[in-house]
Amino acid sequence: MGGLPTQNTSTLALPGLQQNQESAKPTTGAESKPKKKICCACPETKKLRDECIVQHGEEACAKWIEAHRICLRAEGFNV
């Protein structure tokens, strides 16, 4: 019985906090499930990576490729 009031108290506290946590929840969700399609995620690093590959070849652009992978992982993709 003691656990129920604690849960109710937590539930009562959450609605007020949910307004602040709603912005945090998508971040958590983004880590486990991407919000965007992979083609639309990380446009800055994608552009730099693609331009480098076109101009210099894939072998010379490892740092841009890795930077794009890190960005995609931060968006929740498993690459």
N, C-alpha and C. Protein backbone atom coordinates (compact mmCIF):
# COMPACT_ATOMS: atom_id res chain seq x y z
N MET A 1 0.81 -1.18 0.00
CA MET A 1 0.00 0.00 0.00
C MET A 1 0.86 1.25 0.00
N GLY A 2 1.99 1.21 0.69
CA GLY A 2 2.86 2.37 0.76
C GLY A 2 3.40 2.74 -0.62
N GLY A 3 3.51 1.76 -1.54
CA GLY A 3 4.02 2.05 -2.87
C GLY A 3 3.04 2.83 -3.73
N LEU A 4 1.76 2.66 -3.52
CA LEU A 4 0.78 3.35 -4.35
C LEU A 4 0.80 4.86 -4.17
N PRO A 5 0.81 5.38 -2.95
CA PRO A 5 0.87 6.84 -2.83
C PRO A 5 2.15 7.41 -3.43
N THR A 6 3.25 6.70 -3.32
CA THR A 6 4.50 7.16 -3.91
C THR A 6 4.35 7.25 -5.42
N GLN A 7 3.72 6.27 -6.02
CA GLN A 7 3.50 6.30 -7.46
C GLN A 7 2.56 7.43 -7.84
N ASN A 8 1.51 7.63 -7.06
CA ASN A 8 0.59 8.72 -7.34
C ASN A 8 1.31 10.06 -7.20
N THR A 9 2.15 10.19 -6.20
CA THR A 9 2.90 11.43 -6.02
C THR A 9 3.81 11.65 -7.22
N SER A 10 4.46 10.60 -7.68
CA SER A 10 5.32 10.73 -8.85
C SER A 10 4.50 11.10 -10.07
N THR A 11 3.35 10.49 -10.21
CA THR A 11 2.49 10.78 -11.34
C THR A 11 2.02 12.22 -11.27
N LEU A 12 1.71 12.69 -10.06
CA LEU A 12 1.29 14.07 -9.92
C LEU A 12 2.43 15.03 -10.23
N ALA A 13 3.63 14.64 -9.88
CA ALA A 13 4.78 15.50 -10.13
C ALA A 13 5.15 15.51 -11.61
N LEU A 14 4.94 14.41 -12.31
CA LEU A 14 5.35 14.32 -13.70
C LEU A 14 4.60 15.26 -14.64
N PRO A 15 3.29 15.44 -14.53
CA PRO A 15 2.65 16.32 -15.50
C PRO A 15 3.26 17.71 -15.53
N GLY A 16 3.60 18.27 -14.41
CA GLY A 16 4.26 19.56 -14.39
C GLY A 16 5.65 19.50 -15.00
N LEU A 17 6.33 18.38 -14.79
CA LEU A 17 7.67 18.21 -15.32
C LEU A 17 7.65 17.81 -16.78
N GLN A 18 6.58 17.19 -17.22
CA GLN A 18 6.52 16.74 -18.61
C GLN A 18 6.63 17.89 -19.58
N GLN A 19 6.15 19.04 -19.20
CA GLN A 19 6.28 20.19 -20.08
C GLN A 19 7.75 20.49 -20.32
N ASN A 20 8.55 20.39 -19.27
CA ASN A 20 9.98 20.62 -19.41
C ASN A 20 10.69 19.42 -20.01
N GLN A 21 10.19 18.22 -19.73
CA GLN A 21 10.85 17.02 -20.19
C GLN A 21 10.43 16.62 -21.60
N GLU A 22 9.38 17.21 -22.13
CA GLU A 22 8.95 16.83 -23.47
C GLU A 22 10.07 17.08 -24.47
N SER A 23 10.79 18.16 -24.32
CA SER A 23 11.90 18.41 -25.21
C SER A 23 13.02 17.41 -24.97
N ALA A 24 13.16 16.93 -23.74
CA ALA A 24 14.20 15.96 -23.42
C ALA A 24 13.81 14.56 -23.90
N LYS A 25 12.53 14.24 -23.88
CA LYS A 25 12.11 12.90 -24.29
C LYS A 25 12.46 12.59 -25.74
N PRO A 26 12.25 13.49 -26.71
CA PRO A 26 12.66 13.17 -28.07
C PRO A 26 14.16 12.93 -28.18
N THR A 27 14.96 13.60 -27.38
CA THR A 27 16.39 13.37 -27.40
C THR A 27 16.69 11.93 -27.00
N THR A 28 16.02 11.47 -25.94
CA THR A 28 16.19 10.09 -25.51
C THR A 28 15.67 9.16 -26.59
N GLY A 29 14.55 9.50 -27.19
CA GLY A 29 13.99 8.70 -28.26
C GLY A 29 14.89 8.70 -29.48
N ALA A 30 15.55 9.82 -29.73
CA ALA A 30 16.43 9.91 -30.89
C ALA A 30 17.62 8.97 -30.73
N GLU A 31 18.06 8.76 -29.49
CA GLU A 31 19.18 7.87 -29.27
C GLU A 31 18.80 6.42 -29.55
N SER A 32 17.56 6.06 -29.28
CA SER A 32 17.16 4.68 -29.49
C SER A 32 16.44 4.50 -30.82
N LYS A 33 15.74 5.51 -31.28
CA LYS A 33 15.02 5.41 -32.53
C LYS A 33 15.09 6.77 -33.24
N PRO A 34 15.66 6.79 -34.43
CA PRO A 34 15.82 8.06 -35.13
C PRO A 34 14.49 8.74 -35.44
N LYS A 35 14.49 10.06 -35.33
CA LYS A 35 13.30 10.84 -35.66
C LYS A 35 13.27 11.19 -37.14
N LYS A 36 14.43 11.23 -37.77
CA LYS A 36 14.54 11.62 -39.17
C LYS A 36 14.92 10.42 -40.01
N LYS A 37 14.73 10.57 -41.31
CA LYS A 37 15.28 9.57 -42.23
C LYS A 37 16.78 9.82 -42.31
N ILE A 38 17.52 8.76 -42.58
CA ILE A 38 18.98 8.88 -42.59
C ILE A 38 19.45 9.86 -43.67
N CYS A 39 18.70 9.96 -44.76
CA CYS A 39 19.10 10.88 -45.83
C CYS A 39 18.97 12.34 -45.41
N CYS A 40 18.15 12.63 -44.41
CA CYS A 40 17.90 14.01 -43.98
C CYS A 40 18.67 14.40 -42.73
N ALA A 41 19.32 13.43 -42.12
CA ALA A 41 20.06 13.70 -40.89
C ALA A 41 21.45 14.23 -41.22
N CYS A 42 21.94 15.13 -40.42
CA CYS A 42 23.30 15.65 -40.49
C CYS A 42 23.67 16.22 -41.87
N PRO A 43 22.91 17.18 -42.37
CA PRO A 43 23.19 17.71 -43.71
C PRO A 43 24.55 18.40 -43.83
N GLU A 44 25.03 19.01 -42.73
CA GLU A 44 26.32 19.70 -42.81
C GLU A 44 27.46 18.73 -43.03
N THR A 45 27.52 17.69 -42.19
CA THR A 45 28.62 16.73 -42.34
C THR A 45 28.46 15.91 -43.61
N LYS A 46 27.24 15.68 -44.03
CA LYS A 46 27.01 14.94 -45.27
C LYS A 46 27.56 15.73 -46.46
N LYS A 47 27.30 17.03 -46.49
CA LYS A 47 27.79 17.87 -47.58
C LYS A 47 29.31 17.89 -47.63
N LEU A 48 29.93 18.09 -46.48
CA LEU A 48 31.39 18.11 -46.42
C LEU A 48 31.98 16.77 -46.86
N ARG A 49 31.38 15.70 -46.38
CA ARG A 49 31.85 14.35 -46.75
C ARG A 49 31.74 14.12 -48.25
N ASP A 50 30.57 14.44 -48.81
CA ASP A 50 30.34 14.20 -50.23
C ASP A 50 31.25 15.05 -51.12
N GLU A 51 31.42 16.33 -50.77
CA GLU A 51 32.31 17.19 -51.56
C GLU A 51 33.74 16.70 -51.52
N CYS A 52 34.18 16.26 -50.35
CA CYS A 52 35.54 15.75 -50.22
C CYS A 52 35.73 14.50 -51.07
N ILE A 53 34.77 13.59 -51.03
CA ILE A 53 34.88 12.35 -51.79
C ILE A 53 34.92 12.63 -53.28
N VAL A 54 34.10 13.55 -53.74
CA VAL A 54 34.08 13.88 -55.17
C VAL A 54 35.41 14.49 -55.60
N GLN A 55 35.97 15.37 -54.79
CA GLN A 55 37.20 16.07 -55.16
C GLN A 55 38.47 15.26 -54.93
N HIS A 56 38.50 14.47 -53.85
CA HIS A 56 39.75 13.84 -53.45
C HIS A 56 39.71 12.31 -53.39
N GLY A 57 38.55 11.72 -53.47
CA GLY A 57 38.44 10.28 -53.36
C GLY A 57 38.18 9.86 -51.92
N GLU A 58 37.57 8.70 -51.78
CA GLU A 58 37.14 8.22 -50.46
C GLU A 58 38.30 8.05 -49.48
N GLU A 59 39.44 7.58 -49.98
CA GLU A 59 40.57 7.30 -49.10
C GLU A 59 41.08 8.56 -48.41
N ALA A 60 41.00 9.71 -49.06
CA ALA A 60 41.52 10.95 -48.52
C ALA A 60 40.54 11.65 -47.57
N CYS A 61 39.34 11.12 -47.44
CA CYS A 61 38.30 11.82 -46.69
C CYS A 61 37.84 11.08 -45.44
N ALA A 62 38.72 10.28 -44.87
CA ALA A 62 38.34 9.46 -43.72
C ALA A 62 37.83 10.30 -42.55
N LYS A 63 38.43 11.48 -42.31
CA LYS A 63 38.00 12.29 -41.17
C LYS A 63 36.59 12.82 -41.38
N TRP A 64 36.21 13.17 -42.62
CA TRP A 64 34.85 13.67 -42.89
C TRP A 64 33.84 12.53 -42.86
N ILE A 65 34.26 11.37 -43.32
CA ILE A 65 33.38 10.20 -43.27
C ILE A 65 33.09 9.84 -41.82
N GLU A 66 34.12 9.83 -41.00
CA GLU A 66 33.94 9.50 -39.58
C GLU A 66 33.13 10.57 -38.86
N ALA A 67 33.34 11.83 -39.21
CA ALA A 67 32.56 12.91 -38.60
C ALA A 67 31.07 12.74 -38.91
N HIS A 68 30.77 12.33 -40.13
CA HIS A 68 29.37 12.11 -40.51
C HIS A 68 28.80 10.90 -39.77
N ARG A 69 29.58 9.86 -39.62
CA ARG A 69 29.12 8.68 -38.86
C ARG A 69 28.82 9.04 -37.41
N ILE A 70 29.69 9.84 -36.81
CA ILE A 70 29.49 10.27 -35.42
C ILE A 70 28.20 11.06 -35.30
N CYS A 71 27.96 11.95 -36.25
CA CYS A 71 26.74 12.74 -36.25
C CYS A 71 25.52 11.84 -36.39
N LEU A 72 25.57 10.88 -37.30
CA LEU A 72 24.45 9.95 -37.49
C LEU A 72 24.19 9.13 -36.23
N ARG A 73 25.25 8.70 -35.58
CA ARG A 73 25.08 7.94 -34.33
C ARG A 73 24.42 8.81 -33.27
N ALA A 74 24.80 10.08 -33.23
CA ALA A 74 24.18 11.00 -32.27
C ALA A 74 22.70 11.19 -32.56
N GLU A 75 22.31 11.04 -33.81
CA GLU A 75 20.90 11.14 -34.20
C GLU A 75 20.14 9.83 -33.95
N GLY A 76 20.87 8.77 -33.59
CA GLY A 76 20.22 7.52 -33.24
C GLY A 76 20.33 6.42 -34.29
N PHE A 77 21.13 6.65 -35.31
CA PHE A 77 21.32 5.62 -36.33
C PHE A 77 22.46 4.71 -35.96
N ASN A 78 22.34 3.44 -36.33
CA ASN A 78 23.40 2.45 -36.08
C ASN A 78 24.21 2.31 -37.35
N VAL A 79 25.29 3.09 -37.43
CA VAL A 79 26.16 3.02 -38.62
C VAL A 79 27.58 2.78 -38.20
